[in-house]
Protein backbone atom coordinates (compact mmCIF):
# COMPACT_ATOMS: atom_id res chain seq x y z
CA UNK A 1 58.75 -79.26 87.05
CA UNK A 2 59.30 -81.77 84.42
CA UNK A 3 62.90 -80.09 83.45
CA UNK A 4 64.20 -80.83 87.18
CA UNK A 5 63.09 -83.67 87.01
CA UNK A 6 64.59 -84.99 84.17
CA UNK A 7 67.89 -83.51 84.78
CA UNK A 8 67.51 -84.85 88.58
CA UNK A 9 67.21 -88.38 86.76
CA UNK A 10 70.31 -87.62 85.20
CA UNK A 11 72.56 -87.35 88.56
CA UNK A 12 73.47 -83.11 87.57
CA UNK A 13 71.84 -81.45 90.66
CA UNK A 14 71.16 -82.51 94.23
CA UNK A 15 67.65 -81.67 96.11
CA UNK A 16 69.53 -79.05 98.07
CA UNK A 17 70.01 -76.96 95.00
CA UNK A 18 66.34 -77.20 93.94
CA UNK A 19 64.74 -76.78 97.00
CA UNK A 20 64.14 -73.07 96.59
CA UNK A 21 62.00 -73.75 93.46
CA UNK A 22 59.86 -75.63 95.81
CA UNK A 23 59.22 -73.77 98.67
CA UNK A 24 55.89 -72.90 97.10
CA UNK A 25 54.68 -76.32 97.78
CA UNK A 26 54.44 -75.61 101.43
CA UNK A 27 51.21 -74.28 101.13
CA UNK A 28 49.54 -77.21 99.02
CA UNK A 29 47.67 -80.15 100.27
CA UNK A 30 49.90 -82.63 98.48
CA UNK A 31 53.44 -81.23 99.69
CA UNK A 32 54.18 -84.48 101.48
CA UNK A 33 53.63 -87.05 98.35
CA UNK A 34 55.50 -85.10 95.96
CA UNK A 35 58.74 -84.89 98.66
CA UNK A 36 58.23 -88.34 98.81
CA UNK A 37 57.91 -88.69 94.97
CA UNK A 38 61.52 -86.62 94.81
CA UNK A 39 63.12 -88.48 96.92
CA UNK A 40 62.22 -91.79 95.38
CA UNK A 41 63.27 -90.11 91.81
CA UNK A 42 66.84 -89.40 94.08
CA UNK A 43 67.26 -92.23 95.85
CA UNK A 44 68.86 -94.38 92.74
CA UNK A 45 71.01 -91.95 90.71
CA UNK A 46 72.92 -90.25 93.70
CA UNK A 47 73.59 -93.48 95.04
CA UNK A 48 75.04 -94.42 91.52
CA UNK A 49 76.75 -91.01 91.96
CA UNK A 50 78.27 -91.81 94.82
CA UNK A 51 79.58 -95.67 94.04
CA UNK A 52 81.27 -93.99 91.23
CA UNK A 53 82.55 -91.32 93.34
CA UNK A 54 84.19 -93.96 95.89
CA UNK A 55 85.50 -96.03 92.95
CA UNK A 56 87.02 -92.93 91.20
CA UNK A 57 88.93 -91.99 94.45
CA UNK A 58 90.23 -95.63 95.10
CA UNK A 59 91.56 -95.91 91.52
CA UNK A 60 93.20 -92.38 92.01
CA UNK A 61 94.25 -93.38 96.02
CA UNK A 62 95.74 -96.19 94.19
CA UNK A 63 97.41 -94.01 91.66
CA UNK A 64 99.19 -91.87 94.19
CA UNK A 65 100.43 -94.20 96.48
CA UNK A 66 102.17 -95.78 92.99
CA UNK A 67 103.40 -92.25 92.59
CA UNK A 68 104.65 -91.47 96.16
CA UNK A 69 105.96 -95.43 95.82
CA UNK A 70 108.37 -94.90 92.50
CA UNK A 71 108.94 -90.68 94.28
CA UNK A 72 110.56 -92.76 97.09
CA UNK A 73 112.79 -95.05 95.05
CA UNK A 74 114.04 -92.15 92.85
CA UNK A 75 113.18 -88.89 94.72
CA UNK A 76 114.93 -86.34 92.58
CA UNK A 77 113.81 -88.18 89.27
CA UNK A 78 112.40 -84.63 87.86
CA UNK A 79 115.27 -82.79 88.59
CA UNK A 80 117.64 -85.19 87.14
CA UNK A 81 115.84 -85.10 84.10
CA UNK A 82 115.66 -81.25 83.91
CA UNK A 83 118.92 -81.59 84.21
CA UNK A 84 119.86 -83.56 81.45
CA UNK A 85 118.00 -81.40 79.54
CA UNK A 86 119.83 -78.49 80.64
CA UNK A 87 123.03 -80.27 80.02
CA UNK A 88 121.55 -81.52 76.20
CA UNK A 89 120.77 -78.32 75.59
CA UNK A 90 124.27 -76.48 76.44
CA UNK A 91 125.86 -79.18 74.31
CA UNK A 92 124.17 -78.52 71.43
CA UNK A 93 125.10 -74.65 71.71
CA UNK A 94 128.19 -75.22 72.04
CA UNK A 95 128.56 -77.62 68.35
CA UNK A 96 129.78 -76.22 65.90
CA UNK A 97 126.48 -75.74 62.94
CA UNK A 98 128.41 -77.97 60.72
CA UNK A 99 127.61 -81.42 62.26
CA UNK A 100 124.21 -80.54 62.95
CA UNK A 101 120.61 -79.80 61.44
CA UNK A 102 119.96 -75.88 62.26
CA UNK A 103 117.88 -74.97 58.89
CA UNK A 104 114.57 -76.53 59.12
CA UNK A 105 114.19 -76.77 55.70
CA UNK A 106 117.26 -78.92 55.66
CA UNK A 107 115.22 -81.34 58.30
CA UNK A 108 112.14 -81.27 56.16
CA UNK A 109 114.25 -82.14 52.79
CA UNK A 110 115.84 -84.60 54.82
CA UNK A 111 112.41 -86.25 55.65
CA UNK A 112 110.73 -86.03 52.74
CA UNK A 113 113.36 -87.29 50.80
CA UNK A 114 114.22 -90.86 52.98
CA UNK A 115 110.77 -91.59 52.97
CA UNK A 116 109.95 -91.77 49.37
CA UNK A 117 112.84 -93.50 49.11
CA UNK A 118 111.67 -95.98 51.56
CA UNK A 119 108.06 -96.13 49.73
CA UNK A 120 109.77 -97.26 46.68
CA UNK A 121 112.57 -99.21 47.67
CA UNK A 122 111.63 -101.05 51.27
CA UNK A 123 112.19 -104.75 51.28
CA UNK A 124 109.22 -106.63 52.31
CA UNK A 125 109.67 -108.87 55.33
CA UNK A 126 107.31 -111.09 57.38
CA UNK A 127 107.44 -108.66 60.77
CA UNK A 128 106.81 -105.56 58.39
CA UNK A 129 103.71 -106.99 57.01
CA UNK A 130 102.75 -108.52 60.65
CA UNK A 131 103.13 -105.17 62.22
CA UNK A 132 100.89 -102.96 58.76
CA UNK A 133 98.14 -105.50 58.88
CA UNK A 134 97.41 -105.97 62.53
CA UNK A 135 94.80 -103.83 64.26
CA UNK A 136 95.34 -105.11 67.59
CA UNK A 137 97.87 -102.73 69.25
CA UNK A 138 100.00 -105.19 71.91
CA UNK A 139 100.11 -107.86 68.85
CA UNK A 140 101.79 -105.38 67.14
CA UNK A 141 103.51 -104.22 69.24
CA UNK A 142 105.06 -107.99 70.33
CA UNK A 143 105.52 -108.50 66.26
CA UNK A 144 107.76 -105.58 66.19
CA UNK A 145 109.18 -106.56 69.60
CA UNK A 146 110.55 -110.10 68.74
CA UNK A 147 111.85 -108.69 64.93
CA UNK A 148 114.01 -106.30 66.82
CA UNK A 149 115.53 -108.93 69.18
CA UNK A 150 116.25 -111.00 67.19
CA UNK A 151 118.01 -108.13 64.62
CA UNK A 152 120.52 -107.41 67.29
CA UNK A 153 123.97 -107.99 66.07
CA UNK A 154 121.97 -110.58 63.28
CA UNK A 155 121.87 -110.39 59.41
CA UNK A 156 118.25 -110.09 58.50
CA UNK A 157 118.79 -112.97 56.12
CA UNK A 158 119.54 -114.81 59.30
CA UNK A 159 116.76 -113.56 60.72
CA UNK A 160 114.16 -114.01 58.34
CA UNK A 161 113.66 -118.20 58.85
CA UNK A 162 113.83 -118.00 62.53
CA UNK A 163 111.07 -115.26 62.72
CA UNK A 164 108.82 -117.13 60.58
CA UNK A 165 109.12 -120.26 62.99
CA UNK A 166 109.12 -117.68 66.25
CA UNK A 167 105.83 -116.49 65.55
CA UNK A 168 103.89 -119.71 63.89
CA UNK A 169 104.88 -121.22 67.72
CA UNK A 170 104.14 -118.33 69.46
CA UNK A 171 101.82 -116.10 67.84
CA UNK A 172 101.11 -114.25 71.01
CA UNK A 173 102.25 -113.25 74.23
CA UNK A 174 100.60 -115.25 75.91
CA UNK A 175 101.70 -118.13 74.13
CA UNK A 176 105.50 -117.45 74.44
CA UNK A 177 104.90 -116.37 78.33
CA UNK A 178 103.57 -120.21 78.87
CA UNK A 179 106.68 -121.94 76.64
CA UNK A 180 109.45 -123.09 78.22
CA UNK A 181 112.84 -122.12 78.81
CA UNK A 182 113.88 -125.19 77.21
CA UNK A 183 111.32 -124.59 74.11
CA UNK A 184 112.54 -120.90 73.76
CA UNK A 185 116.50 -122.11 73.57
CA UNK A 186 115.41 -125.34 71.35
CA UNK A 187 114.07 -122.79 68.87
CA UNK A 188 116.61 -119.89 69.00
CA UNK A 189 119.67 -122.15 68.74
CA UNK A 190 121.88 -121.33 66.19
CA UNK A 191 120.69 -117.27 66.11
CA UNK A 192 123.69 -116.56 68.87
CA UNK A 193 123.43 -114.21 71.79
CA UNK A 194 121.46 -116.66 73.71
CA UNK A 195 120.95 -114.12 76.20
CA UNK A 196 118.05 -112.50 73.91
CA UNK A 197 115.63 -115.18 73.99
CA UNK A 198 115.73 -115.76 77.58
CA UNK A 199 114.89 -112.06 78.04
CA UNK A 200 112.25 -111.93 75.34
CA UNK A 201 110.40 -115.05 77.16
CA UNK A 202 111.05 -112.82 80.97
CA UNK A 203 109.63 -109.78 78.92
CA UNK A 204 106.33 -111.65 77.74
CA UNK A 205 105.76 -113.07 81.25
CA UNK A 206 105.88 -109.85 83.07
CA UNK A 207 103.34 -108.45 80.36
CA UNK A 208 100.88 -111.13 81.10
CA UNK A 209 101.80 -112.04 84.48
CA UNK A 210 101.97 -107.93 85.65
CA UNK A 211 101.12 -105.46 83.36
CA UNK A 212 97.51 -107.28 82.43
CA UNK A 213 98.66 -108.32 79.53
CA UNK A 214 99.11 -104.62 77.90
CA UNK A 215 102.61 -103.91 75.99
CA UNK A 216 103.71 -100.45 77.52
CA UNK A 217 103.00 -97.68 74.63
CA UNK A 218 106.21 -95.21 75.36
CA UNK A 219 109.85 -95.66 74.55
CA UNK A 220 110.41 -94.43 78.62
CA UNK A 221 107.59 -97.17 79.87
CA UNK A 222 108.92 -99.93 77.22
CA UNK A 223 112.56 -99.58 78.82
CA UNK A 224 111.65 -98.69 82.32
CA UNK A 225 109.30 -101.84 83.11
CA UNK A 226 110.65 -104.41 80.05
CA UNK A 227 114.00 -106.84 81.20
CA UNK A 228 115.98 -106.42 78.08
CA UNK A 229 114.55 -103.31 76.29
CA UNK A 230 117.24 -100.75 75.88
CA UNK A 231 116.91 -97.61 74.54
CA UNK A 232 116.98 -98.19 70.83
CA UNK A 233 114.59 -101.51 71.11
CA UNK A 234 111.93 -99.40 73.08
CA UNK A 235 112.33 -96.51 70.80
CA UNK A 236 111.37 -99.18 68.11
CA UNK A 237 108.75 -100.65 69.61
CA UNK A 238 107.35 -97.33 70.21
CA UNK A 239 107.43 -95.43 67.13
CA UNK A 240 106.71 -98.56 65.04
CA UNK A 241 103.54 -100.15 67.03
CA UNK A 242 102.46 -97.18 68.34
CA UNK A 243 103.21 -93.97 66.40
CA UNK A 244 105.35 -91.94 69.52
CA UNK A 245 107.45 -89.76 67.72
CA UNK A 246 110.62 -90.79 69.01
CA UNK A 247 114.10 -91.09 67.40
CA UNK A 248 115.98 -94.80 67.39
CA UNK A 249 119.85 -95.01 66.86
CA UNK A 250 120.99 -98.57 65.81
CA UNK A 251 124.72 -99.33 63.73
CA UNK A 252 123.08 -98.41 60.65
CA UNK A 253 121.51 -95.25 61.63
CA UNK A 254 124.96 -94.30 63.58
CA UNK A 255 126.55 -94.90 59.96
CA UNK A 256 123.96 -92.60 58.45
CA UNK A 257 124.17 -90.08 60.81
CA UNK A 258 127.91 -89.95 61.25
CA UNK A 259 128.29 -89.50 57.38
CA UNK A 260 125.64 -86.69 57.00
CA UNK A 261 126.49 -84.59 59.73
CA UNK A 262 130.79 -85.28 59.06
CA UNK A 263 131.15 -86.65 62.56
CA UNK A 264 134.61 -87.79 62.98
CA UNK A 265 135.00 -88.94 66.46
CA UNK A 266 134.79 -92.31 67.78
CA UNK A 267 131.05 -93.19 67.77
CA UNK A 268 131.26 -94.91 70.48
CA UNK A 269 132.15 -92.37 73.03
CA UNK A 270 129.42 -91.13 75.12
CA UNK A 271 129.45 -87.29 73.53
CA UNK A 272 128.92 -88.57 70.00
CA UNK A 273 126.01 -90.93 71.66
CA UNK A 274 124.54 -88.10 72.84
CA UNK A 275 124.43 -85.92 69.95
CA UNK A 276 123.20 -88.85 67.19
CA UNK A 277 120.47 -89.37 69.73
CA UNK A 278 119.61 -85.64 69.76
CA UNK A 279 120.03 -85.86 65.82
CA UNK A 280 117.66 -88.83 65.50
CA UNK A 281 115.28 -86.78 67.75
CA UNK A 282 115.12 -83.43 65.78
CA UNK A 283 114.70 -85.66 61.97
CA UNK A 284 111.94 -87.93 62.90
CA UNK A 285 108.50 -87.67 61.33
CA UNK A 286 106.19 -87.16 63.36
CA UNK A 287 103.22 -88.07 60.88
CA UNK A 288 105.27 -91.23 60.58
CA UNK A 289 107.81 -92.09 63.54
CA UNK A 290 107.90 -95.71 62.43
CA UNK A 291 107.91 -95.72 58.76
CA UNK A 292 111.04 -92.73 58.98
CA UNK A 293 113.03 -94.70 61.59
CA UNK A 294 112.52 -97.98 59.22
CA UNK A 295 113.94 -95.70 56.59
CA UNK A 296 117.22 -94.75 58.32
CA UNK A 297 117.85 -98.21 58.94
CA UNK A 298 117.09 -99.32 55.62
CA UNK A 299 119.37 -96.67 53.84
CA UNK A 300 122.24 -97.81 56.06
CA UNK A 301 121.34 -101.33 55.25
CA UNK A 302 121.03 -100.99 51.36
CA UNK A 303 122.84 -97.50 50.42
CA UNK A 304 124.99 -95.93 53.03
CA UNK A 305 126.79 -99.95 53.49
CA UNK A 306 130.39 -99.53 56.13
CA UNK A 307 132.45 -101.14 53.31
CA UNK A 308 131.00 -100.04 49.56
CA UNK A 309 128.47 -97.32 50.06
CA UNK A 310 126.41 -96.40 46.63
CA UNK A 311 126.06 -92.69 46.97
CA UNK A 312 124.43 -92.20 43.51
CA UNK A 313 121.46 -94.26 44.85
CA UNK A 314 121.32 -92.03 47.71
CA UNK A 315 118.40 -89.99 48.60
CA UNK A 316 120.08 -87.47 50.99
CA UNK A 317 123.74 -87.10 49.75
CA UNK A 318 122.94 -83.60 48.77
CA UNK A 319 122.38 -83.06 52.05
CA UNK A 320 125.49 -84.97 52.77
CA UNK A 321 128.86 -83.31 54.47
CA UNK A 322 130.54 -86.32 53.64
CA UNK A 323 129.68 -86.89 49.66
CA UNK A 324 130.24 -82.73 49.21
CA UNK A 325 133.81 -83.09 51.38
CA UNK A 326 134.62 -86.27 48.69
CA UNK A 327 133.19 -84.42 45.45
CA UNK A 328 135.15 -81.04 46.66
CA UNK A 329 138.11 -82.86 46.66
CA UNK A 330 137.68 -84.74 43.02
CA UNK A 331 136.95 -80.95 42.05
CA UNK A 332 140.50 -80.32 43.28
CA UNK A 333 142.46 -82.88 42.13
CA UNK A 334 141.16 -82.26 38.79
CA UNK A 335 141.84 -78.43 38.54
CA UNK A 336 145.31 -79.21 40.07
CA UNK A 337 144.24 -76.60 43.19
CA UNK A 338 146.65 -76.38 45.76
CA UNK A 339 144.35 -77.38 49.23
CA UNK A 340 142.54 -74.26 50.61
CA UNK A 341 140.71 -73.05 53.80
CA UNK A 342 137.35 -74.50 53.28
CA UNK A 343 134.78 -72.31 54.18
CA UNK A 344 132.50 -75.55 54.61
CA UNK A 345 134.76 -77.11 57.11
CA UNK A 346 133.61 -77.49 60.55
CA UNK A 347 134.84 -73.80 62.33
CA UNK A 348 134.37 -74.70 65.50
CA UNK A 349 135.41 -71.64 68.13
CA UNK A 350 137.14 -74.25 70.31
CA UNK A 351 140.84 -75.37 69.69
CA UNK A 352 139.60 -79.05 68.52
CA UNK A 353 136.25 -80.08 67.89
CA UNK A 354 134.97 -82.60 69.79
CA UNK A 355 132.37 -83.69 66.82
CA UNK A 356 135.38 -83.88 64.31
CA UNK A 357 138.33 -86.42 64.18
CA UNK A 358 141.27 -86.71 66.13
CA UNK A 359 144.31 -84.21 64.13
CA UNK A 360 146.44 -87.79 64.32
CA UNK A 361 143.70 -88.93 62.05
CA UNK A 362 143.01 -86.87 58.71
CA UNK A 363 141.08 -87.12 56.36
CA UNK A 364 142.02 -89.96 53.27
CA UNK A 365 140.74 -88.88 50.11
CA UNK A 366 140.90 -92.40 48.82
CA UNK A 367 138.47 -93.88 51.61
CA UNK A 368 135.90 -91.05 50.52
CA UNK A 369 132.63 -91.15 52.93
CA UNK A 370 134.01 -94.31 54.76
CA UNK A 371 136.03 -92.43 56.66
CA UNK A 372 133.10 -92.24 58.34
CA UNK A 373 131.76 -93.29 61.45
CA UNK A 374 135.53 -93.84 63.22
CA UNK A 375 135.68 -96.18 66.13
CA UNK A 376 137.74 -96.90 69.00
CA UNK A 377 139.91 -100.35 68.11
CA UNK A 378 137.79 -103.18 70.17
CA UNK A 379 140.15 -105.24 72.45
CA UNK A 380 141.05 -108.67 70.82
CA UNK A 381 138.42 -110.98 73.00
CA UNK A 382 139.87 -113.32 75.64
CA UNK A 383 141.44 -116.58 74.33
CA UNK A 384 140.23 -119.74 76.49
CA UNK A 385 140.55 -123.23 75.70
CA UNK A 386 138.74 -126.21 76.56
CA UNK A 387 139.17 -129.96 76.25
CA UNK A 388 135.80 -131.57 75.35
CA UNK A 389 134.54 -134.84 74.49
CA UNK A 390 131.55 -136.81 72.37
CA UNK A 391 130.79 -139.86 74.47
CA UNK A 392 128.84 -142.29 72.34
CA UNK A 393 126.86 -145.57 72.90
CA UNK A 394 126.51 -147.04 69.48
CA UNK A 395 124.61 -150.29 71.13
CA UNK A 396 122.11 -148.61 72.80
CA UNK A 397 117.99 -149.09 72.74
CA UNK A 398 116.86 -147.56 69.87
CA UNK A 399 120.01 -146.61 68.36
CA UNK A 400 123.39 -144.65 68.85
CA UNK A 401 123.41 -142.26 71.43
CA UNK A 402 125.20 -138.98 72.89
CA UNK A 403 125.75 -138.02 76.10
CA UNK A 404 125.01 -134.29 76.43
CA UNK A 405 125.07 -132.24 79.93
CA UNK A 406 123.15 -129.21 80.99
CA UNK A 407 125.23 -125.51 81.39
CA UNK A 408 124.45 -123.31 84.04
CA UNK A 409 120.99 -121.23 84.45
CA UNK A 410 123.37 -117.74 83.95
CA UNK A 411 126.10 -117.17 81.98
CA UNK A 412 127.39 -117.66 78.56
CA UNK A 413 125.36 -119.59 76.76
CA UNK A 414 122.92 -120.33 79.68
CA UNK A 415 120.50 -123.28 79.83
CA UNK A 416 122.08 -124.87 76.70
CA UNK A 417 123.19 -128.06 76.21
CA UNK A 418 126.74 -129.56 75.14
CA UNK A 419 129.26 -132.30 75.58
CA UNK A 420 131.02 -132.83 78.77
CA UNK A 421 134.09 -130.42 79.20
CA UNK A 422 136.47 -129.10 80.99
CA UNK A 423 138.70 -126.07 81.17
CA UNK A 424 142.34 -127.00 79.32
CA UNK A 425 145.60 -127.55 80.97
CA UNK A 426 148.99 -126.45 79.49
CA UNK A 427 149.81 -130.47 79.78
CA UNK A 428 147.89 -133.07 77.63
CA UNK A 429 148.07 -135.57 80.22
CA UNK A 430 146.50 -133.92 82.80
CA UNK A 431 143.77 -132.31 80.30
CA UNK A 432 143.33 -135.84 79.69
CA UNK A 433 142.94 -137.16 82.86
CA UNK A 434 140.68 -134.39 83.80
CA UNK A 435 138.69 -134.76 80.69
CA UNK A 436 138.12 -138.44 81.54
CA UNK A 437 137.00 -137.70 85.39
CA UNK A 438 134.51 -135.62 84.48
CA UNK A 439 132.61 -138.12 81.74
CA UNK A 440 132.86 -140.48 84.71
CA UNK A 441 131.10 -137.79 86.56
CA UNK A 442 128.19 -138.40 84.58
CA UNK A 443 128.08 -142.11 83.02
CA UNK A 444 130.29 -144.32 85.47
CA UNK A 445 133.32 -145.82 85.00
CA UNK A 446 134.42 -145.74 81.48
CA UNK A 447 137.88 -147.20 79.61
CA UNK A 448 140.54 -144.47 79.45
CA UNK A 449 142.56 -146.43 76.88
CA UNK A 450 139.01 -145.59 74.57
CA UNK A 451 139.57 -141.88 74.74
CA UNK A 452 140.65 -140.49 71.48
CA UNK A 453 142.19 -137.00 70.49
CA UNK A 454 140.07 -136.04 67.20
CA UNK A 455 141.06 -132.85 66.39
CA UNK A 456 140.16 -129.01 67.47
CA UNK A 457 137.54 -126.28 67.07
CA UNK A 458 137.87 -122.70 67.13
CA UNK A 459 134.83 -120.50 67.86
CA UNK A 460 134.62 -116.96 68.58
CA UNK A 461 131.76 -115.78 71.01
CA UNK A 462 131.27 -111.90 71.60
CA UNK A 463 134.14 -111.67 73.92
CA UNK A 464 135.69 -114.94 74.02
CA UNK A 465 137.88 -117.00 71.61
CA UNK A 466 137.22 -120.47 72.51
CA UNK A 467 139.16 -123.00 71.75
CA UNK A 468 137.85 -126.91 71.88
CA UNK A 469 139.93 -129.84 71.91
CA UNK A 470 137.55 -132.55 70.36
CA UNK A 471 137.77 -135.97 71.85
CA UNK A 472 135.80 -139.12 71.03
CA UNK A 473 134.87 -141.98 73.00
CA UNK A 474 132.90 -144.86 72.16
CA UNK A 475 131.51 -147.29 74.98
CA UNK A 476 131.80 -150.47 72.33
CA UNK A 477 131.20 -153.98 74.49
CA UNK A 478 129.67 -152.38 76.97
CA UNK A 479 126.02 -152.53 79.24
CA UNK A 480 124.31 -149.35 77.66
CA UNK A 481 124.35 -146.51 80.85
CA UNK A 482 120.50 -146.05 80.63
CA UNK A 483 120.46 -143.68 84.40
CA UNK A 484 122.10 -140.26 84.39
CA UNK A 485 122.47 -137.78 87.47
CA UNK A 486 120.17 -134.84 86.20
CA UNK A 487 120.94 -132.17 84.11
CA UNK A 488 122.51 -135.07 82.17
CA UNK A 489 120.56 -137.13 79.11
CA UNK A 490 121.30 -139.12 76.08
CA UNK A 491 120.21 -138.39 72.64
CA UNK A 492 120.26 -140.05 69.66
CA UNK A 493 121.85 -138.12 66.69
CA UNK A 494 118.69 -137.19 65.08
CA UNK A 495 117.20 -135.49 68.33
CA UNK A 496 120.85 -133.69 68.96
CA UNK A 497 120.65 -132.22 65.47
CA UNK A 498 117.30 -130.12 66.74
CA UNK A 499 118.16 -130.01 70.60
CA UNK A 500 118.94 -126.57 72.43
CA UNK A 501 122.33 -126.64 71.34
CA UNK A 502 124.64 -124.02 70.26
CA UNK A 503 126.52 -123.50 67.01
CA UNK A 504 130.11 -124.41 68.30
CA UNK A 505 128.44 -127.62 69.72
CA UNK A 506 127.12 -128.42 66.23
CA UNK A 507 130.51 -127.82 65.10
CA UNK A 508 132.44 -130.46 67.34
CA UNK A 509 129.89 -133.06 66.80
CA UNK A 510 130.96 -132.53 62.81
CA UNK A 511 134.78 -133.30 63.98
CA UNK A 512 133.50 -136.50 65.41
CA UNK A 513 131.45 -137.63 62.64
CA UNK A 514 134.59 -136.97 60.62
CA UNK A 515 136.34 -139.75 62.26
CA UNK A 516 133.63 -142.35 61.87
CA UNK A 517 133.43 -144.88 59.48
CA UNK A 518 130.70 -144.57 57.44
CA UNK A 519 130.09 -140.84 58.06
CA UNK A 520 129.92 -138.17 55.70
CA UNK A 521 131.10 -135.08 56.55
CA UNK A 522 128.51 -132.15 55.86
CA UNK A 523 129.27 -129.43 53.58
CA UNK A 524 129.04 -126.52 55.67
CA UNK A 525 132.24 -125.25 56.42
CA UNK A 526 133.89 -124.33 60.06
CA UNK A 527 136.89 -123.45 61.52
CA UNK A 528 138.26 -126.78 62.43
CA UNK A 529 141.05 -128.54 62.81
CA UNK A 530 141.57 -132.70 62.35
CA UNK A 531 144.79 -134.67 61.68
CA UNK A 532 143.69 -135.44 58.40
CA UNK A 533 143.19 -131.69 57.45
CA UNK A 534 146.69 -130.54 57.56
CA UNK A 535 147.92 -127.65 55.47
CA UNK A 536 149.86 -128.61 52.24
CA UNK A 537 153.39 -129.04 53.14
CA UNK A 538 156.79 -126.91 52.26
CA UNK A 539 158.45 -128.17 49.25
CA UNK A 540 160.96 -128.85 51.52
CA UNK A 541 158.71 -131.15 53.65
CA UNK A 542 157.08 -132.65 50.51
CA UNK A 543 160.79 -133.81 49.16
CA UNK A 544 161.34 -135.90 52.61
CA UNK A 545 157.57 -137.45 52.66
CA UNK A 546 158.74 -138.83 49.02
CA UNK A 547 161.84 -140.44 50.08
CA UNK A 548 160.26 -141.52 52.96
CA UNK A 549 156.88 -142.85 51.37
CA UNK A 550 156.65 -146.35 50.70
CA UNK A 551 157.70 -147.84 47.07
CA UNK A 552 154.50 -148.68 44.83
CA UNK A 553 155.05 -151.16 41.92
CA UNK A 554 155.28 -149.39 38.52
CA UNK A 555 154.76 -152.54 36.43
CA UNK A 556 151.03 -152.16 34.92
CA UNK A 557 149.50 -155.26 36.25
CA UNK A 558 150.13 -154.09 39.88
CA UNK A 559 149.62 -150.83 39.43
CA UNK A 560 146.15 -151.22 37.87
CA UNK A 561 145.31 -153.67 40.68
CA UNK A 562 146.27 -150.73 42.87
CA UNK A 563 144.05 -148.42 40.99
CA UNK A 564 141.12 -150.93 41.04
CA UNK A 565 141.64 -151.10 45.06
CA UNK A 566 141.04 -147.40 45.20
CA UNK A 567 137.91 -147.19 43.19
CA UNK A 568 136.80 -150.18 45.19
CA UNK A 569 136.95 -148.97 48.10
CA UNK A 570 136.44 -144.84 47.00
CA UNK A 571 132.51 -146.76 45.57
CA UNK A 572 132.40 -148.54 48.92
CA UNK A 573 132.87 -144.96 51.07
CA UNK A 574 130.14 -143.42 48.98
CA UNK A 575 127.55 -146.30 49.46
CA UNK A 576 127.76 -145.64 53.18
CA UNK A 577 127.40 -142.38 52.83
């Protein structure tokens, strides 16, 4: 009886289930007392069990509703996934083994050689230190997330300083979610591709406000739930932070895989891209997926470089089809043998392998392994022109101030600050008038005669080549403007250099500074052109310039005086700088 009571206290059985064992009590005088005691014992655990069951049912109902809602939005998700897998399987079956890893021993050797090299040669980078030393999974994922977004289209050396300052200012997702877009743009200024920072903050806010502060753990859920997170970034976060065995493909990995498996077709095409993702998934080490993915990217960055690869230092060169092709070419050349059919070349049963280079693009022995990968020629960026003006109040309270206006919240350089500008017209006169009207809409009546053309700046964005015609206007002798419409503000020169402005605006400002007395040009190089920075004239032009140059006295006293004046002017200029 004691055993049964103890079991009942844990809520494992019900009174109905034990009733037969208690039937003998019906003949006993103490029947009613024992039954009362039993009911008292059972009452509390049964209530607890019912409560837990109700909660579980409620949670399950919520999950089912979410699943139902999801299935209503995408009713054929499972079917689409199955069709995709079938399509990939058919594609793999149709591809020549020359472009595949069909030998398990090759896959194992590739993993082992690459990871051993990575353990010896990997760079000490701040995001790696943070990820390796962080035990909290969400903070680890955040550290990886920030680094992967910053590294898109940007060199490691440039990212290190930005990453360090970012993580010092916003060490957690919650910190970033509570920041303003102005603060994000300000810290991102100069890093380029500014929408990345904006989407990173949007993702942080979604995690904090909608996902309970927890970053999704799988590549599929990361890509589906977080804005700005594509297939590569999702795979990197999932593998490095959460240990999911999922491959990644970025520019470095594309280069490595195209050379290792001699893939000469356009690497940006859909078919080749699908094949590369399949290879990366096949190769990723399930025991160390994050390290493997980082190792593949590190190999592309340090050894298998675009122009000057160091094949002698490559840990997987024995498995590299491109390297083998180069060595065979050297051997044939040294033995003066005629080119013979190579049994290790692609022997696709089809007329033209879709992973090989087109016959019109034959192998170039002088290029070596850099024959791979091949990309379709990019369309040149479209060209645009803009007239832009640095409007300054030299006598403003607190020191000289310049006018900045904010760009729209969407589109190119969304939310950043810039000098007032207009789209440039072919006619210089119309351009001058349109720019003056734009300035007056922000700062009121202005003296048109003081608007001066200073030069031009050419800056190339990802898809736009923008030429700025730079103007300057200093409001000398006027009452300082203190009130401006929303979307504009006056900043000191020091404030400008720390504001959320693009690199192009800093180039424009350097042109303006170069035209001001007492201002030294910075040492940074930029593609700018000013009236004083013309190209060296041709010999014929030099002859004409010498003919029309004013005559300088050649007697020794006047010549010495002229040199002294030049030296004095140079000293004064240096003192002002």
